[in-house]
Amino acid sequence: MSLLDILVNVFYTSLGAAFFYSKWGRKRLKVYFLSDILDVCSLSDGTRVVLEFCIFIFFGCSVSLGIVHPQNAAPAFSAGLGWTGLVGRTK
């Protein structure tokens, strides 16, 4: 697998996780441990939103690519959606 293939998989995996996250919204979708950790920190609301989203996508790519190891865009996108559904909880 070339570097370009890996970058494409990372892009589509993060796109899948971002799509799921944006569909459910920050108010309704929480990650079990991430929300609790960020509650302890004294962050402005804007900083918290950006940080939560970036960490969410980073973990989504790491977990999805490590477990699923997609070979093209479709499984990568699905892995991003799946991981988000697995570790997220709705209010």
Protein backbone atom coordinates (compact mmCIF):
# COMPACT_ATOMS: atom_id res chain seq x y z
CA MET A 1 0.00 0.00 0.00
CA SER A 2 1.50 3.32 -1.06
CA LEU A 3 1.56 6.53 0.96
CA LEU A 4 -1.09 8.01 -1.33
CA ASP A 5 -3.41 5.04 -0.64
CA ILE A 6 -2.94 5.51 3.09
CA LEU A 7 -3.67 9.24 2.88
CA VAL A 8 -6.81 8.58 0.81
CA ASN A 9 -7.99 6.07 3.42
CA VAL A 10 -7.31 8.55 6.23
CA PHE A 11 -9.26 11.21 4.34
CA TYR A 12 -12.30 9.01 3.74
CA THR A 13 -12.25 7.60 7.26
CA SER A 14 -12.16 11.07 8.76
CA LEU A 15 -14.88 12.14 6.32
CA GLY A 16 -17.10 9.30 7.51
CA ALA A 17 -16.55 10.17 11.17
CA ALA A 18 -17.09 13.88 10.49
CA PHE A 19 -20.27 13.16 8.54
CA PHE A 20 -21.74 11.12 11.40
CA TYR A 21 -20.62 13.71 13.98
CA SER A 22 -22.11 16.59 12.01
CA LYS A 23 -25.37 14.73 11.35
CA TRP A 24 -26.01 14.05 15.03
CA GLY A 25 -24.51 17.33 16.18
CA ARG A 26 -22.35 18.20 19.12
CA LYS A 27 -25.33 18.65 21.42
CA ARG A 28 -26.73 15.15 20.88
CA LEU A 29 -23.62 13.03 20.23
CA LYS A 30 -21.05 12.57 22.96
CA VAL A 31 -18.07 10.27 23.21
CA TYR A 32 -18.18 8.36 26.49
CA PHE A 33 -14.82 9.36 27.95
CA LEU A 34 -13.94 12.45 25.90
CA SER A 35 -16.87 14.56 27.08
CA ASP A 36 -16.14 13.76 30.72
CA ILE A 37 -12.46 14.66 30.35
CA LEU A 38 -13.25 17.96 28.64
CA ASP A 39 -15.81 18.82 31.34
CA VAL A 40 -12.95 18.94 33.85
CA CYS A 41 -10.93 21.40 31.73
CA SER A 42 -11.68 25.11 31.84
CA LEU A 43 -12.17 25.82 28.15
CA SER A 44 -14.19 28.41 26.32
CA ASP A 45 -17.12 26.95 24.41
CA GLY A 46 -15.55 27.63 21.00
CA THR A 47 -12.24 26.05 21.98
CA ARG A 48 -14.01 23.04 23.42
CA VAL A 49 -16.02 22.47 20.23
CA VAL A 50 -12.93 22.57 18.00
CA LEU A 51 -10.85 20.43 20.36
CA GLU A 52 -13.60 17.84 20.82
CA PHE A 53 -14.12 17.58 17.07
CA CYS A 54 -10.39 17.24 16.29
CA ILE A 55 -9.81 14.60 18.98
CA PHE A 56 -12.94 12.77 17.86
CA ILE A 57 -11.71 12.61 14.26
CA PHE A 58 -8.17 11.65 15.31
CA PHE A 59 -9.41 8.74 17.43
CA GLY A 60 -11.86 7.79 14.69
CA CYS A 61 -9.11 7.50 12.12
CA SER A 62 -6.76 5.68 14.47
CA VAL A 63 -9.30 3.10 15.59
CA SER A 64 -10.90 2.60 12.19
CA LEU A 65 -7.68 2.27 10.24
CA GLY A 66 -6.13 0.04 12.89
CA ILE A 67 -9.03 -2.36 13.19
CA VAL A 68 -10.61 -2.38 9.73
CA HIS A 69 -7.55 -1.61 7.58
CA PRO A 70 -9.67 -0.52 4.59
CA GLN A 71 -8.29 -1.02 1.10
CA ASN A 72 -10.29 1.70 -0.68
CA ALA A 73 -12.63 4.64 -0.08
CA ALA A 74 -15.91 2.79 0.55
CA PRO A 75 -14.71 0.65 3.48
CA ALA A 76 -12.76 3.62 4.85
CA PHE A 77 -15.87 5.82 4.86
CA SER A 78 -17.92 2.99 6.41
CA ALA A 79 -15.28 2.44 9.07
CA GLY A 80 -15.45 6.12 10.00
CA LEU A 81 -19.22 5.93 10.32
CA GLY A 82 -19.07 2.65 12.24
CA TRP A 83 -16.51 3.73 14.80
CA THR A 84 -18.52 6.87 15.47
CA GLY A 85 -21.65 4.83 16.11
CA LEU A 86 -19.72 2.42 18.31
CA VAL A 87 -18.17 4.88 20.75
CA GLY A 88 -20.75 7.64 20.61
CA ARG A 89 -23.82 7.97 22.75
CA THR A 90 -26.83 10.16 22.13
CA LYS A 91 -28.49 12.29 24.74
